[in-house]
Amino acid sequence: MNINDVNGVGKATSKKLIDNGITSIQELANTTEEELEKINIQNSARIINNAKKMTSEVYYDINDSNKYLIHAFKKSHYYDEDQINQSYHEWYNALLKLYNKE
């Protein structure tokens, strides 16, 4: 997913955002209305709220998936708490990168 997937962000808005260093949905969600208005983005509050909704939905989707992953690890014959924690964090970070990639 990328910033073009945010409701309210079209080609022109996307170009303005990227030209000003806002390249991911997470960065957009953490931006203020004032910052977007400085670069002439209309409907900044709506766009930021849409980005925030997307990042929170991703967060909950990932956390729900994590519960199943940890359960599966614990059911396996190779139960090792350190290995589970390492695999969990690697998997979590890979998913975050996937959701926030360009």
N, C-alpha and C. Protein backbone atom coordinates (compact mmCIF):
# COMPACT_ATOMS: atom_id res chain seq x y z
N MET A 1 0.84 -1.18 0.00
CA MET A 1 0.00 0.00 0.00
C MET A 1 0.88 1.24 0.00
N ASN A 2 0.40 2.27 -0.67
CA ASN A 2 1.15 3.52 -0.68
C ASN A 2 0.19 4.69 -0.49
N ILE A 3 0.71 5.90 -0.50
CA ILE A 3 -0.14 7.06 -0.21
C ILE A 3 -1.24 7.26 -1.24
N ASN A 4 -1.08 6.73 -2.44
CA ASN A 4 -2.15 6.82 -3.43
C ASN A 4 -3.38 6.02 -3.01
N ASP A 5 -3.22 5.08 -2.10
CA ASP A 5 -4.33 4.26 -1.62
C ASP A 5 -5.19 4.97 -0.58
N VAL A 6 -4.73 6.12 -0.09
CA VAL A 6 -5.49 6.88 0.90
C VAL A 6 -6.61 7.62 0.18
N ASN A 7 -7.82 7.45 0.69
CA ASN A 7 -8.96 8.14 0.11
C ASN A 7 -8.74 9.65 0.16
N GLY A 8 -8.85 10.30 -0.99
CA GLY A 8 -8.65 11.75 -1.08
C GLY A 8 -7.30 12.14 -1.65
N VAL A 9 -6.42 11.16 -1.85
CA VAL A 9 -5.09 11.44 -2.41
C VAL A 9 -5.07 10.97 -3.86
N GLY A 10 -5.05 11.94 -4.77
CA GLY A 10 -4.94 11.62 -6.18
C GLY A 10 -3.52 11.83 -6.67
N LYS A 11 -3.35 11.85 -7.97
CA LYS A 11 -2.00 11.97 -8.55
C LYS A 11 -1.33 13.29 -8.17
N ALA A 12 -2.06 14.39 -8.28
CA ALA A 12 -1.46 15.70 -7.98
C ALA A 12 -1.10 15.82 -6.51
N THR A 13 -1.99 15.37 -5.63
CA THR A 13 -1.72 15.42 -4.20
C THR A 13 -0.56 14.50 -3.84
N SER A 14 -0.55 13.33 -4.43
CA SER A 14 0.54 12.37 -4.18
C SER A 14 1.88 12.99 -4.56
N LYS A 15 1.94 13.64 -5.70
CA LYS A 15 3.19 14.26 -6.15
C LYS A 15 3.64 15.34 -5.16
N LYS A 16 2.71 16.18 -4.70
CA LYS A 16 3.05 17.22 -3.72
C LYS A 16 3.59 16.60 -2.43
N LEU A 17 2.93 15.55 -1.98
CA LEU A 17 3.36 14.90 -0.74
C LEU A 17 4.76 14.32 -0.87
N ILE A 18 4.97 13.57 -1.95
CA ILE A 18 6.28 12.94 -2.16
C ILE A 18 7.37 14.00 -2.34
N ASP A 19 7.07 15.05 -3.10
CA ASP A 19 8.05 16.14 -3.29
C ASP A 19 8.42 16.82 -1.98
N ASN A 20 7.53 16.70 -0.99
CA ASN A 20 7.79 17.33 0.31
C ASN A 20 8.17 16.32 1.39
N GLY A 21 8.57 15.12 0.96
CA GLY A 21 9.13 14.14 1.89
C GLY A 21 8.13 13.25 2.60
N ILE A 22 6.86 13.32 2.23
CA ILE A 22 5.85 12.45 2.84
C ILE A 22 5.62 11.31 1.87
N THR A 23 6.22 10.17 2.16
CA THR A 23 6.24 9.08 1.17
C THR A 23 5.48 7.83 1.60
N SER A 24 4.99 7.79 2.84
CA SER A 24 4.27 6.60 3.30
C SER A 24 2.96 7.01 3.98
N ILE A 25 2.08 6.04 4.12
CA ILE A 25 0.81 6.29 4.79
C ILE A 25 1.06 6.67 6.25
N GLN A 26 2.03 6.02 6.89
CA GLN A 26 2.35 6.33 8.28
C GLN A 26 2.83 7.77 8.42
N GLU A 27 3.70 8.21 7.53
CA GLU A 27 4.17 9.61 7.57
C GLU A 27 3.01 10.57 7.37
N LEU A 28 2.11 10.24 6.46
CA LEU A 28 0.95 11.08 6.21
C LEU A 28 0.05 11.14 7.44
N ALA A 29 -0.14 10.01 8.09
CA ALA A 29 -0.97 9.96 9.29
C ALA A 29 -0.38 10.80 10.42
N ASN A 30 0.93 10.94 10.44
CA ASN A 30 1.60 11.70 11.50
C ASN A 30 1.82 13.17 11.16
N THR A 31 1.35 13.58 10.00
CA THR A 31 1.49 14.96 9.55
C THR A 31 0.36 15.81 10.12
N THR A 32 0.62 17.10 10.31
CA THR A 32 -0.43 18.00 10.80
C THR A 32 -1.14 18.68 9.64
N GLU A 33 -2.33 19.17 9.92
CA GLU A 33 -3.09 19.91 8.90
C GLU A 33 -2.29 21.11 8.42
N GLU A 34 -1.63 21.78 9.35
CA GLU A 34 -0.87 22.98 9.00
C GLU A 34 0.25 22.66 8.01
N GLU A 35 0.93 21.52 8.23
CA GLU A 35 2.00 21.12 7.32
C GLU A 35 1.48 20.88 5.91
N LEU A 36 0.32 20.25 5.82
CA LEU A 36 -0.26 19.98 4.49
C LEU A 36 -0.77 21.26 3.84
N GLU A 37 -1.33 22.15 4.64
CA GLU A 37 -1.83 23.41 4.09
C GLU A 37 -0.69 24.28 3.56
N LYS A 38 0.49 24.18 4.18
CA LYS A 38 1.66 24.93 3.70
C LYS A 38 2.07 24.51 2.29
N ILE A 39 1.78 23.26 1.95
CA ILE A 39 2.14 22.79 0.60
C ILE A 39 0.90 22.71 -0.30
N ASN A 40 -0.13 23.48 0.09
CA ASN A 40 -1.34 23.64 -0.71
C ASN A 40 -2.12 22.35 -0.95
N ILE A 41 -2.24 21.54 0.09
CA ILE A 41 -3.06 20.33 0.02
C ILE A 41 -4.45 20.69 0.57
N GLN A 42 -5.46 20.50 -0.27
CA GLN A 42 -6.83 20.76 0.16
C GLN A 42 -7.37 19.55 0.91
N ASN A 43 -8.38 19.79 1.76
CA ASN A 43 -9.01 18.72 2.55
C ASN A 43 -7.99 17.98 3.42
N SER A 44 -7.05 18.72 3.99
CA SER A 44 -5.96 18.11 4.75
C SER A 44 -6.46 17.29 5.94
N ALA A 45 -7.47 17.79 6.66
CA ALA A 45 -7.97 17.06 7.83
C ALA A 45 -8.56 15.72 7.41
N ARG A 46 -9.31 15.70 6.33
CA ARG A 46 -9.93 14.46 5.86
C ARG A 46 -8.87 13.46 5.41
N ILE A 47 -7.87 13.96 4.68
CA ILE A 47 -6.80 13.08 4.19
C ILE A 47 -6.01 12.48 5.36
N ILE A 48 -5.68 13.30 6.34
CA ILE A 48 -4.94 12.81 7.51
C ILE A 48 -5.77 11.78 8.26
N ASN A 49 -7.05 12.06 8.46
CA ASN A 49 -7.92 11.10 9.16
C ASN A 49 -8.03 9.79 8.40
N ASN A 50 -8.12 9.86 7.08
CA ASN A 50 -8.18 8.63 6.27
C ASN A 50 -6.89 7.82 6.41
N ALA A 51 -5.75 8.52 6.43
CA ALA A 51 -4.47 7.83 6.61
C ALA A 51 -4.38 7.20 8.00
N LYS A 52 -4.87 7.91 9.01
CA LYS A 52 -4.86 7.37 10.38
C LYS A 52 -5.72 6.13 10.48
N LYS A 53 -6.88 6.15 9.84
CA LYS A 53 -7.76 4.97 9.85
C LYS A 53 -7.05 3.78 9.21
N MET A 54 -6.37 4.04 8.10
CA MET A 54 -5.68 2.94 7.41
C MET A 54 -4.57 2.37 8.27
N THR A 55 -3.79 3.21 8.94
CA THR A 55 -2.69 2.70 9.76
C THR A 55 -3.22 1.96 10.98
N SER A 56 -4.32 2.41 11.56
CA SER A 56 -4.85 1.70 12.72
C SER A 56 -5.46 0.37 12.29
N GLU A 57 -6.10 0.31 11.12
CA GLU A 57 -6.64 -0.95 10.62
C GLU A 57 -5.51 -1.95 10.37
N VAL A 58 -4.43 -1.48 9.79
CA VAL A 58 -3.27 -2.34 9.55
C VAL A 58 -2.72 -2.84 10.88
N TYR A 59 -2.61 -1.96 11.86
CA TYR A 59 -2.09 -2.33 13.17
C TYR A 59 -2.92 -3.46 13.78
N TYR A 60 -4.23 -3.32 13.75
CA TYR A 60 -5.08 -4.34 14.34
C TYR A 60 -5.07 -5.63 13.53
N ASP A 61 -5.02 -5.52 12.21
CA ASP A 61 -4.91 -6.72 11.37
C ASP A 61 -3.63 -7.48 11.69
N ILE A 62 -2.53 -6.76 11.82
CA ILE A 62 -1.24 -7.39 12.12
C ILE A 62 -1.27 -8.01 13.50
N ASN A 63 -1.80 -7.31 14.49
CA ASN A 63 -1.83 -7.86 15.84
C ASN A 63 -2.72 -9.10 15.93
N ASP A 64 -3.85 -9.10 15.23
CA ASP A 64 -4.69 -10.30 15.21
C ASP A 64 -3.93 -11.46 14.58
N SER A 65 -3.24 -11.19 13.49
CA SER A 65 -2.45 -12.23 12.83
C SER A 65 -1.33 -12.74 13.74
N ASN A 66 -0.74 -11.82 14.50
CA ASN A 66 0.33 -12.20 15.41
C ASN A 66 -0.14 -13.20 16.46
N LYS A 67 -1.35 -13.02 16.94
CA LYS A 67 -1.89 -13.95 17.95
C LYS A 67 -1.91 -15.37 17.39
N TYR A 68 -2.35 -15.52 16.15
CA TYR A 68 -2.40 -16.83 15.53
C TYR A 68 -0.99 -17.39 15.28
N LEU A 69 -0.06 -16.51 14.88
CA LEU A 69 1.31 -16.95 14.63
C LEU A 69 1.94 -17.47 15.91
N ILE A 70 1.80 -16.74 17.00
CA ILE A 70 2.39 -17.16 18.28
C ILE A 70 1.75 -18.47 18.74
N HIS A 71 0.44 -18.58 18.59
CA HIS A 71 -0.25 -19.82 18.95
C HIS A 71 0.30 -21.00 18.16
N ALA A 72 0.51 -20.80 16.86
CA ALA A 72 1.04 -21.87 16.01
C ALA A 72 2.46 -22.26 16.44
N PHE A 73 3.29 -21.27 16.76
CA PHE A 73 4.65 -21.56 17.22
C PHE A 73 4.62 -22.39 18.50
N LYS A 74 3.75 -22.00 19.42
CA LYS A 74 3.70 -22.69 20.70
C LYS A 74 3.18 -24.12 20.55
N LYS A 75 2.39 -24.37 19.54
CA LYS A 75 1.86 -25.71 19.29
C LYS A 75 2.89 -26.60 18.57
N SER A 76 3.89 -25.98 17.99
CA SER A 76 4.87 -26.75 17.22
C SER A 76 5.79 -27.54 18.16
N HIS A 77 6.52 -28.48 17.57
CA HIS A 77 7.45 -29.29 18.34
C HIS A 77 8.73 -28.53 18.70
N TYR A 78 8.91 -27.38 18.07
CA TYR A 78 10.15 -26.62 18.23
C TYR A 78 9.93 -25.37 19.07
N TYR A 79 9.22 -25.53 20.14
CA TYR A 79 8.88 -24.38 20.98
C TYR A 79 10.13 -23.86 21.69
N ASP A 80 10.51 -22.64 21.35
CA ASP A 80 11.64 -21.96 21.96
C ASP A 80 11.26 -20.49 22.07
N GLU A 81 11.09 -20.01 23.27
CA GLU A 81 10.59 -18.65 23.51
C GLU A 81 11.42 -17.59 22.78
N ASP A 82 12.74 -17.69 22.82
CA ASP A 82 13.59 -16.71 22.15
C ASP A 82 13.40 -16.74 20.64
N GLN A 83 13.30 -17.94 20.09
CA GLN A 83 13.11 -18.06 18.64
C GLN A 83 11.74 -17.51 18.24
N ILE A 84 10.73 -17.76 19.05
CA ILE A 84 9.39 -17.23 18.77
C ILE A 84 9.42 -15.71 18.78
N ASN A 85 10.03 -15.12 19.79
CA ASN A 85 10.09 -13.66 19.87
C ASN A 85 10.85 -13.06 18.69
N GLN A 86 11.95 -13.67 18.29
CA GLN A 86 12.73 -13.16 17.17
C GLN A 86 11.92 -13.28 15.87
N SER A 87 11.30 -14.42 15.65
CA SER A 87 10.51 -14.62 14.43
C SER A 87 9.32 -13.67 14.40
N TYR A 88 8.70 -13.50 15.55
CA TYR A 88 7.55 -12.60 15.66
C TYR A 88 7.94 -11.19 15.26
N HIS A 89 9.04 -10.67 15.78
CA HIS A 89 9.46 -9.30 15.48
C HIS A 89 9.89 -9.15 14.02
N GLU A 90 10.55 -10.14 13.48
CA GLU A 90 10.93 -10.10 12.07
C GLU A 90 9.69 -10.07 11.18
N TRP A 91 8.73 -10.90 11.49
CA TRP A 91 7.50 -10.98 10.72
C TRP A 91 6.71 -9.69 10.84
N TYR A 92 6.59 -9.16 12.04
CA TYR A 92 5.87 -7.92 12.29
C TYR A 92 6.50 -6.76 11.50
N ASN A 93 7.82 -6.64 11.56
CA ASN A 93 8.50 -5.56 10.84
C ASN A 93 8.37 -5.72 9.33
N ALA A 94 8.40 -6.95 8.84
CA ALA A 94 8.23 -7.19 7.40
C ALA A 94 6.83 -6.77 6.96
N LEU A 95 5.81 -7.06 7.77
CA LEU A 95 4.46 -6.64 7.42
C LEU A 95 4.31 -5.13 7.44
N LEU A 96 4.90 -4.47 8.42
CA LEU A 96 4.83 -3.02 8.47
C LEU A 96 5.48 -2.40 7.22
N LYS A 97 6.60 -2.93 6.81
CA LYS A 97 7.26 -2.44 5.61
C LYS A 97 6.39 -2.67 4.38
N LEU A 98 5.75 -3.82 4.31
CA LEU A 98 4.88 -4.13 3.19
C LEU A 98 3.72 -3.14 3.10
N TYR A 99 3.09 -2.84 4.24
CA TYR A 99 1.96 -1.92 4.25
C TYR A 99 2.37 -0.48 3.97
N ASN A 100 3.60 -0.13 4.26
CA ASN A 100 4.05 1.26 4.11
C ASN A 100 4.98 1.46 2.92
N LYS A 101 5.14 0.44 2.08
CA LYS A 101 6.07 0.60 0.96
C LYS A 101 5.50 1.55 -0.07
N GLU A 102 6.38 2.06 -0.89
CA GLU A 102 6.01 3.02 -1.93
C GLU A 102 5.15 2.38 -2.98
